[in-house]
Amino acid sequence: MPTRSSDPRHFVQQLELADPRVVSHLSGHEITPKEQDTEAGYVNAGSLVSFVAGVSGQHRSDVLNSALLAQLAASKQYDRETQVRDWYRFYVDVLSNIGWPFQDFRFTEISLRQDSFKIDEVLLKVLEAVLSQDEIRTMKASLDALAALSDSDGRLVVFERESHSAREGNFQLSTATEENGVVSLAGSVFFFSTSLNVTRILWTTFTDANLDIYGSAFRVNLDEDVYAIVREDIVEKLGDNAKKYVGDLDI
C-alpha cells in the first residue's frame, strides 16, 4: 500500500529530484486556451502522455506536472532500470500523496505469442483493455507522432534516454480525459529486459525469446481538493524541469 502523508505540502517540499542525465531544451507545456479543445500528446521524460479534446488547460498542466514529479522523485531514490520495482513503489507514493489515489501496481508478464513484433503494436492491444476508443485513438496518434521524429529530435532523445538503457528499462503510457470537471488518467506502466541492444524501444523488432515485458494497467481520478493544496508547491519544486523533459507532439 502507498504511504500517505498527513501533510501533502510538506511531502512535496521535502522531495528530492534527480538531476538530468543530459540537459535538453524542449517546449515545456505552456497551454493556450485554444489547445484545450484539441487532442494533444507529450513526451514527459520516460512517459508518453496524451489528452483527448476537452481537458482544460489547468488539468493538462496538472497531469504533466504530476507525471514528471513522480518520475524525477523516484529516479532520485532508485535506479530506473535496475531497481524498477522499488522505483515504481516510490513513484506510486508520490502520486498518491498529491491527489492521485493509486494503489500499488500489480505487474503481470505480457504474453506475446508472436514470431516477431514491435512493442508499440503489443502495447496498444494491452491498452485496449483499459482505454476507451477515443483514448486509444489519441494514444495511437501520439505514438505515431513520436515514431515520426528523427533520431536527433530532442523529444525522442529525451524519451529514449529516460525510458531505458541498452537492455532494460521502464516507461508509462497514459491518456487523460475530463468529464464534468473531473480529470481521469488511464493507461499502463511497463518494465522490460531484453538480450538485444535497444535504441528505439517502441519500434525495435523483438521475438518472444529475446524480450521479457511486464505491465500494470490503471484508471484513476484526480482528487482536486488534495491537488489544489500542492499545485503551487509542485510548480516550484519542478522549477524549469518541464523545459528539460516535456515536449509537445504534432498529432
Protein backbone atom coordinates (compact mmCIF):
# COMPACT_ATOMS: atom_id res chain seq x y z
CA MET A 1 0.00 0.00 0.00
CA PRO A 2 1.25 3.53 -0.72
CA THR A 3 2.46 5.55 2.26
CA ARG A 4 0.33 8.68 2.56
CA SER A 5 1.46 11.76 4.45
CA SER A 6 -0.86 13.77 6.68
CA ASP A 7 0.74 16.93 5.26
CA PRO A 8 0.82 16.90 1.43
CA ARG A 9 2.63 20.24 1.20
CA HIS A 10 5.45 19.05 3.44
CA PHE A 11 5.62 15.83 1.44
CA VAL A 12 6.19 17.75 -1.81
CA GLN A 13 8.56 20.28 -0.28
CA GLN A 14 10.88 17.61 1.12
CA LEU A 15 11.09 15.62 -2.12
CA GLU A 16 14.44 15.48 -3.88
CA LEU A 17 14.53 15.29 -7.67
CA ALA A 18 17.04 13.55 -9.91
CA ASP A 19 19.33 15.73 -11.99
CA PRO A 20 19.06 15.44 -15.78
CA ARG A 21 21.43 12.89 -17.29
CA VAL A 22 21.95 15.33 -20.16
CA VAL A 23 20.45 18.82 -20.29
CA SER A 24 17.83 19.12 -23.04
CA HIS A 25 15.78 22.11 -24.10
CA LEU A 26 12.20 21.25 -25.05
CA SER A 27 8.99 23.24 -25.32
CA GLY A 28 7.68 22.62 -21.81
CA HIS A 29 3.89 22.74 -21.62
CA GLU A 30 2.60 26.27 -21.92
CA ILE A 31 -1.02 25.59 -22.90
CA THR A 32 -3.15 28.17 -24.71
CA PRO A 33 -6.96 28.30 -24.39
CA LYS A 34 -7.31 27.03 -27.98
CA GLU A 35 -5.30 23.91 -27.20
CA GLN A 36 -7.80 22.89 -24.54
CA ASP A 37 -10.24 21.96 -27.30
CA THR A 38 -7.86 19.71 -29.22
CA GLU A 39 -6.22 16.35 -28.76
CA ALA A 40 -2.61 16.53 -27.67
CA GLY A 41 0.35 14.33 -26.92
CA TYR A 42 3.50 14.98 -24.91
CA VAL A 43 6.81 13.35 -24.23
CA ASN A 44 7.21 13.59 -20.46
CA ALA A 45 10.64 12.16 -19.54
CA GLY A 46 10.07 8.37 -19.85
CA SER A 47 6.31 8.74 -20.21
CA LEU A 48 4.05 9.40 -23.15
CA VAL A 49 1.00 11.40 -22.02
CA SER A 50 -1.99 12.04 -24.27
CA PHE A 51 -5.08 14.21 -23.87
CA VAL A 52 -8.44 13.81 -25.57
CA ALA A 53 -10.22 17.01 -26.56
CA GLY A 54 -11.96 18.79 -23.72
CA VAL A 55 -9.34 18.51 -20.98
CA SER A 56 -8.83 22.01 -19.56
CA GLY A 57 -5.50 23.77 -19.74
CA GLN A 58 -5.12 23.69 -15.97
CA HIS A 59 -5.75 19.97 -15.84
CA ARG A 60 -3.30 19.34 -18.68
CA SER A 61 -0.63 21.15 -16.70
CA ASP A 62 -1.60 19.26 -13.54
CA VAL A 63 -1.30 15.88 -15.27
CA LEU A 64 2.04 16.70 -16.89
CA ASN A 65 3.49 18.13 -13.69
CA SER A 66 2.31 15.13 -11.68
CA ALA A 67 3.86 12.64 -14.08
CA LEU A 68 7.16 14.50 -14.17
CA LEU A 69 7.38 14.99 -10.42
CA ALA A 70 6.75 11.30 -9.72
CA GLN A 71 9.38 10.19 -12.21
CA LEU A 72 12.11 12.57 -11.07
CA ALA A 73 11.48 11.88 -7.39
CA ALA A 74 11.55 8.10 -7.94
CA SER A 75 14.74 8.37 -10.01
CA LYS A 76 16.44 10.27 -7.20
CA GLN A 77 15.81 7.35 -4.85
CA TYR A 78 16.24 4.34 -7.15
CA ASP A 79 17.82 3.39 -10.44
CA ARG A 80 15.07 3.46 -13.04
CA GLU A 81 16.35 0.40 -14.91
CA THR A 82 17.95 -1.87 -12.29
CA GLN A 83 15.71 -1.18 -9.25
CA VAL A 84 12.48 -0.99 -11.17
CA ARG A 85 10.03 -2.39 -8.60
CA ASP A 86 11.37 -0.09 -5.86
CA TRP A 87 11.29 2.76 -8.37
CA TYR A 88 7.61 2.12 -9.08
CA ARG A 89 6.73 1.86 -5.39
CA PHE A 90 8.18 5.32 -4.80
CA TYR A 91 6.51 6.61 -7.97
CA VAL A 92 3.14 5.44 -6.61
CA ASP A 93 3.86 7.01 -3.22
CA VAL A 94 4.45 10.39 -4.85
CA LEU A 95 1.29 10.29 -6.94
CA SER A 96 -0.81 9.06 -4.01
CA ASN A 97 0.32 11.97 -1.87
CA ILE A 98 -0.53 14.68 -4.39
CA GLY A 99 -4.10 13.65 -5.17
CA TRP A 100 -3.91 10.60 -7.43
CA PRO A 101 -5.25 7.69 -5.33
CA PHE A 102 -3.13 4.96 -6.89
CA GLN A 103 -2.71 1.54 -5.33
CA ASP A 104 0.47 -0.49 -5.75
CA PHE A 105 0.85 -1.74 -9.30
CA ARG A 106 0.27 -5.45 -9.85
CA PHE A 107 2.62 -6.37 -12.67
CA THR A 108 1.89 -9.35 -14.88
CA GLU A 109 4.02 -10.71 -17.68
CA ILE A 110 2.70 -9.78 -21.10
CA SER A 111 2.30 -12.92 -23.20
CA LEU A 112 3.43 -12.11 -26.72
CA ARG A 113 2.83 -15.30 -28.72
CA GLN A 114 4.19 -13.90 -31.96
CA ASP A 115 7.23 -14.85 -34.02
CA SER A 116 8.27 -11.21 -34.28
CA PHE A 117 6.70 -7.92 -33.29
CA LYS A 118 7.26 -4.30 -32.38
CA ILE A 119 6.39 -3.27 -28.84
CA ASP A 120 4.09 -0.41 -29.82
CA GLU A 121 1.73 -2.88 -31.55
CA VAL A 122 1.65 -5.15 -28.49
CA LEU A 123 1.14 -2.27 -26.06
CA LEU A 124 -1.84 -0.90 -27.95
CA LYS A 125 -3.51 -4.30 -27.63
CA VAL A 126 -2.81 -4.28 -23.88
CA LEU A 127 -4.22 -0.76 -23.55
CA GLU A 128 -7.44 -1.70 -25.34
CA ALA A 129 -8.47 -3.47 -22.13
CA VAL A 130 -8.48 -0.23 -20.12
CA LEU A 131 -8.86 2.65 -22.61
CA SER A 132 -11.94 3.78 -24.50
CA GLN A 133 -11.91 4.02 -28.30
CA ASP A 134 -11.26 7.78 -28.14
CA GLU A 135 -8.44 7.26 -25.65
CA ILE A 136 -6.85 4.53 -27.79
CA ARG A 137 -7.10 6.67 -30.91
CA THR A 138 -5.42 9.59 -29.17
CA MET A 139 -2.68 7.37 -27.75
CA LYS A 140 -2.03 5.84 -31.17
CA ALA A 141 -1.75 9.32 -32.68
CA SER A 142 0.84 10.20 -30.04
CA LEU A 143 2.80 7.01 -30.68
CA ASP A 144 2.74 7.67 -34.43
CA ALA A 145 3.94 11.24 -33.87
CA LEU A 146 6.78 10.02 -31.66
CA ALA A 147 7.76 7.38 -34.22
CA ALA A 148 7.92 10.02 -36.96
CA LEU A 149 10.60 12.04 -35.14
CA SER A 150 14.18 11.91 -36.35
CA ASP A 151 16.80 10.24 -34.17
CA SER A 152 18.26 13.67 -33.35
CA ASP A 153 14.96 15.28 -32.33
CA GLY A 154 15.19 16.39 -28.70
CA ARG A 155 11.79 14.94 -27.80
CA LEU A 156 12.76 11.46 -28.99
CA VAL A 157 16.20 11.75 -27.39
CA VAL A 158 14.63 12.55 -24.02
CA PHE A 159 12.08 9.72 -24.20
CA GLU A 160 14.66 7.12 -25.20
CA ARG A 161 17.22 8.33 -22.66
CA GLU A 162 14.76 8.34 -19.78
CA SER A 163 12.79 5.18 -20.57
CA HIS A 164 15.57 2.61 -20.98
CA SER A 165 19.22 1.68 -21.08
CA ALA A 166 20.62 -0.69 -23.70
CA ARG A 167 18.83 -3.80 -22.41
CA GLU A 168 16.31 -2.85 -19.73
CA GLY A 169 14.03 -0.04 -18.68
CA ASN A 170 10.59 1.21 -17.79
CA PHE A 171 8.09 3.60 -19.31
CA GLN A 172 4.49 4.72 -18.97
CA LEU A 173 1.69 5.32 -21.48
CA SER A 174 -1.39 7.23 -20.34
CA THR A 175 -4.34 9.23 -21.64
CA ALA A 176 -6.24 11.92 -19.75
CA THR A 177 -9.92 12.77 -20.11
CA GLU A 178 -12.19 15.25 -18.36
CA GLU A 179 -15.91 14.99 -17.66
CA ASN A 180 -17.92 17.43 -15.56
CA GLY A 181 -14.71 18.98 -14.27
CA VAL A 182 -13.22 15.66 -13.12
CA VAL A 183 -9.96 14.64 -14.77
CA SER A 184 -9.22 10.95 -15.18
CA LEU A 185 -5.93 9.31 -16.15
CA ALA A 186 -5.85 5.81 -17.65
CA GLY A 187 -3.16 3.67 -19.18
CA SER A 188 -0.45 1.24 -18.19
CA VAL A 189 3.05 1.20 -16.75
CA PHE A 190 5.66 -1.20 -18.09
CA PHE A 191 9.14 -2.54 -17.49
CA PHE A 192 11.23 -4.89 -19.60
CA SER A 193 14.53 -6.67 -20.12
CA THR A 194 15.95 -7.93 -23.39
CA SER A 195 19.02 -9.64 -24.81
CA LEU A 196 19.15 -7.06 -27.62
CA ASN A 197 20.82 -3.67 -27.59
CA VAL A 198 17.88 -1.27 -27.88
CA THR A 199 17.94 2.22 -29.35
CA ARG A 200 14.27 2.99 -30.16
CA ILE A 201 12.41 0.84 -27.66
CA LEU A 202 8.88 1.06 -29.02
CA TRP A 203 9.88 0.27 -32.60
CA THR A 204 12.60 -2.36 -32.23
CA THR A 205 11.60 -5.74 -33.67
CA PHE A 206 11.63 -8.43 -30.98
CA THR A 207 10.78 -12.10 -30.65
CA ASP A 208 9.19 -13.80 -27.67
CA ALA A 209 12.57 -15.39 -26.91
CA ASN A 210 14.54 -12.15 -26.53
CA LEU A 211 12.13 -9.94 -24.56
CA ASP A 212 10.51 -10.14 -21.12
CA ILE A 213 7.98 -7.37 -20.55
CA TYR A 214 5.60 -6.73 -17.66
CA GLY A 215 2.72 -4.29 -17.34
CA SER A 216 0.09 -2.99 -14.94
CA ALA A 217 -3.00 -1.12 -16.13
CA PHE A 218 -4.70 1.67 -14.19
CA ARG A 219 -7.51 4.22 -14.23
CA VAL A 220 -7.65 6.89 -11.55
CA ASN A 221 -9.39 10.25 -10.94
CA LEU A 222 -7.60 13.29 -9.58
CA ASP A 223 -8.66 14.42 -6.10
CA GLU A 224 -8.97 18.15 -6.72
CA ASP A 225 -9.09 19.02 -3.03
CA VAL A 226 -5.69 17.45 -2.39
CA TYR A 227 -4.04 18.66 -5.59
CA ALA A 228 -5.17 22.25 -5.02
CA ILE A 229 -3.17 22.24 -1.78
CA VAL A 230 0.08 21.24 -3.50
CA ARG A 231 -0.29 22.69 -7.01
CA GLU A 232 1.99 25.69 -6.46
CA ASP A 233 4.47 23.65 -4.41
CA ILE A 234 4.79 21.20 -7.31
CA VAL A 235 5.39 24.02 -9.80
CA GLU A 236 8.04 25.47 -7.50
CA LYS A 237 9.66 22.09 -6.90
CA LEU A 238 9.89 21.33 -10.62
CA GLY A 239 11.36 24.71 -11.48
CA ASP A 240 12.48 24.68 -15.12
CA ASN A 241 12.48 20.90 -15.41
CA ALA A 242 9.48 20.93 -17.75
CA LYS A 243 11.67 22.52 -20.42
CA LYS A 244 14.22 19.75 -19.94
CA TYR A 245 11.83 16.81 -20.04
CA VAL A 246 8.46 17.79 -21.58
CA GLY A 247 7.80 18.38 -25.26
CA ASP A 248 4.58 18.51 -27.25
CA LEU A 249 3.99 16.24 -30.23
CA ASP A 250 2.27 17.07 -33.52
CA ILE A 251 -0.85 14.90 -33.53
